[in-house]
């Protein structure tokens, strides 16, 4: 989640990590994207 004093970011999710980029990380991020898209379709 992204927190803000305003409601401007109520539909945003901030991802932050400090690991080196890798193919495994890319696949995991892609999976998160697919899950988020699927969840958004159920709203």
N, C-alpha and C. Protein backbone atom coordinates (compact mmCIF):
# COMPACT_ATOMS: atom_id res chain seq x y z
N UNK A 1 0.82 -1.17 0.00
CA UNK A 1 0.00 0.00 0.00
C UNK A 1 0.87 1.24 0.00
N UNK A 2 0.32 2.27 -0.52
CA UNK A 2 0.98 3.57 -0.52
C UNK A 2 0.14 4.48 0.36
N UNK A 3 0.74 4.99 1.40
CA UNK A 3 0.00 5.83 2.32
C UNK A 3 0.18 7.30 1.97
N UNK A 4 -0.88 8.06 2.10
CA UNK A 4 -0.87 9.48 1.78
C UNK A 4 -1.88 10.19 2.67
N UNK A 5 -1.62 11.45 2.96
CA UNK A 5 -2.57 12.25 3.74
C UNK A 5 -3.82 12.54 2.92
N UNK A 6 -3.71 12.44 1.63
CA UNK A 6 -4.85 12.66 0.73
C UNK A 6 -5.34 11.32 0.20
N UNK A 7 -6.49 11.32 -0.39
CA UNK A 7 -7.02 10.09 -0.99
C UNK A 7 -6.53 9.89 -2.42
N UNK A 8 -5.55 10.69 -2.83
CA UNK A 8 -5.06 10.63 -4.22
C UNK A 8 -4.51 9.26 -4.63
N UNK A 9 -4.01 8.50 -3.68
CA UNK A 9 -3.33 7.24 -4.01
C UNK A 9 -4.08 6.02 -3.50
N UNK A 10 -5.39 6.11 -3.36
CA UNK A 10 -6.13 5.00 -2.78
C UNK A 10 -6.16 3.77 -3.68
N UNK A 11 -5.89 3.90 -4.97
CA UNK A 11 -5.89 2.76 -5.89
C UNK A 11 -4.49 2.39 -6.34
N UNK A 12 -3.49 2.67 -5.52
CA UNK A 12 -2.11 2.39 -5.87
C UNK A 12 -1.49 1.41 -4.89
N UNK A 13 -0.55 0.65 -5.37
CA UNK A 13 0.24 -0.26 -4.55
C UNK A 13 1.70 0.03 -4.87
N UNK A 14 2.48 0.29 -3.86
CA UNK A 14 3.90 0.57 -4.07
C UNK A 14 4.70 -0.66 -3.68
N UNK A 15 5.49 -1.14 -4.60
CA UNK A 15 6.39 -2.27 -4.35
C UNK A 15 7.80 -1.73 -4.20
N UNK A 16 8.47 -2.17 -3.17
CA UNK A 16 9.83 -1.71 -2.93
C UNK A 16 10.67 -2.88 -2.42
N UNK A 17 11.82 -3.06 -3.01
CA UNK A 17 12.72 -4.12 -2.56
C UNK A 17 14.14 -3.75 -2.93
N UNK A 18 15.09 -4.35 -2.23
CA UNK A 18 16.49 -4.00 -2.45
C UNK A 18 17.34 -5.18 -2.88
N UNK A 19 16.74 -6.11 -3.58
CA UNK A 19 17.48 -7.28 -4.04
C UNK A 19 17.99 -7.05 -5.46
N UNK A 20 19.08 -7.70 -5.81
CA UNK A 20 19.56 -7.59 -7.20
C UNK A 20 18.51 -8.14 -8.17
N UNK A 21 18.40 -7.51 -9.33
CA UNK A 21 17.44 -7.94 -10.33
C UNK A 21 17.85 -9.28 -10.90
N UNK A 22 16.90 -10.16 -11.11
CA UNK A 22 17.19 -11.48 -11.67
C UNK A 22 15.97 -11.96 -12.44
N UNK A 23 16.15 -13.04 -13.18
CA UNK A 23 15.03 -13.63 -13.92
C UNK A 23 13.97 -14.12 -12.94
N UNK A 24 14.40 -14.66 -11.80
CA UNK A 24 13.46 -15.13 -10.78
C UNK A 24 12.63 -13.96 -10.25
N UNK A 25 13.28 -12.83 -10.01
CA UNK A 25 12.58 -11.64 -9.52
C UNK A 25 11.58 -11.15 -10.57
N UNK A 26 11.97 -11.19 -11.81
CA UNK A 26 11.09 -10.75 -12.89
C UNK A 26 9.85 -11.63 -12.99
N UNK A 27 10.03 -12.94 -12.88
CA UNK A 27 8.88 -13.86 -12.92
C UNK A 27 7.95 -13.61 -11.73
N UNK A 28 8.52 -13.37 -10.56
CA UNK A 28 7.70 -13.11 -9.37
C UNK A 28 6.90 -11.82 -9.54
N UNK A 29 7.53 -10.79 -10.07
CA UNK A 29 6.83 -9.52 -10.28
C UNK A 29 5.73 -9.67 -11.33
N UNK A 30 6.00 -10.45 -12.34
CA UNK A 30 4.99 -10.71 -13.36
C UNK A 30 3.80 -11.44 -12.74
N UNK A 31 4.07 -12.39 -11.87
CA UNK A 31 3.00 -13.13 -11.20
C UNK A 31 2.16 -12.18 -10.34
N UNK A 32 2.81 -11.28 -9.61
CA UNK A 32 2.09 -10.29 -8.81
C UNK A 32 1.19 -9.45 -9.70
N UNK A 33 1.69 -9.06 -10.85
CA UNK A 33 0.90 -8.28 -11.80
C UNK A 33 -0.34 -9.03 -12.27
N UNK A 34 -0.17 -10.30 -12.58
CA UNK A 34 -1.31 -11.11 -13.03
C UNK A 34 -2.34 -11.27 -11.91
N UNK A 35 -1.86 -11.50 -10.69
CA UNK A 35 -2.77 -11.65 -9.55
C UNK A 35 -3.52 -10.35 -9.27
N UNK A 36 -2.82 -9.23 -9.38
CA UNK A 36 -3.46 -7.93 -9.15
C UNK A 36 -4.53 -7.66 -10.22
N UNK A 37 -4.20 -7.98 -11.46
CA UNK A 37 -5.16 -7.80 -12.55
C UNK A 37 -6.40 -8.67 -12.34
N UNK A 38 -6.16 -9.90 -11.92
CA UNK A 38 -7.28 -10.82 -11.65
C UNK A 38 -8.14 -10.29 -10.50
N UNK A 39 -7.51 -9.82 -9.44
CA UNK A 39 -8.24 -9.31 -8.29
C UNK A 39 -9.01 -8.04 -8.66
N UNK A 40 -8.43 -7.20 -9.49
CA UNK A 40 -9.11 -5.96 -9.89
C UNK A 40 -10.35 -6.26 -10.72
N UNK A 41 -10.34 -7.36 -11.44
CA UNK A 41 -11.48 -7.74 -12.24
C UNK A 41 -12.66 -8.23 -11.41
N UNK A 42 -12.41 -8.54 -10.16
CA UNK A 42 -13.48 -9.04 -9.30
C UNK A 42 -14.12 -7.93 -8.48
N UNK A 43 -13.63 -6.71 -8.62
CA UNK A 43 -14.18 -5.59 -7.83
C UNK A 43 -15.47 -5.08 -8.41
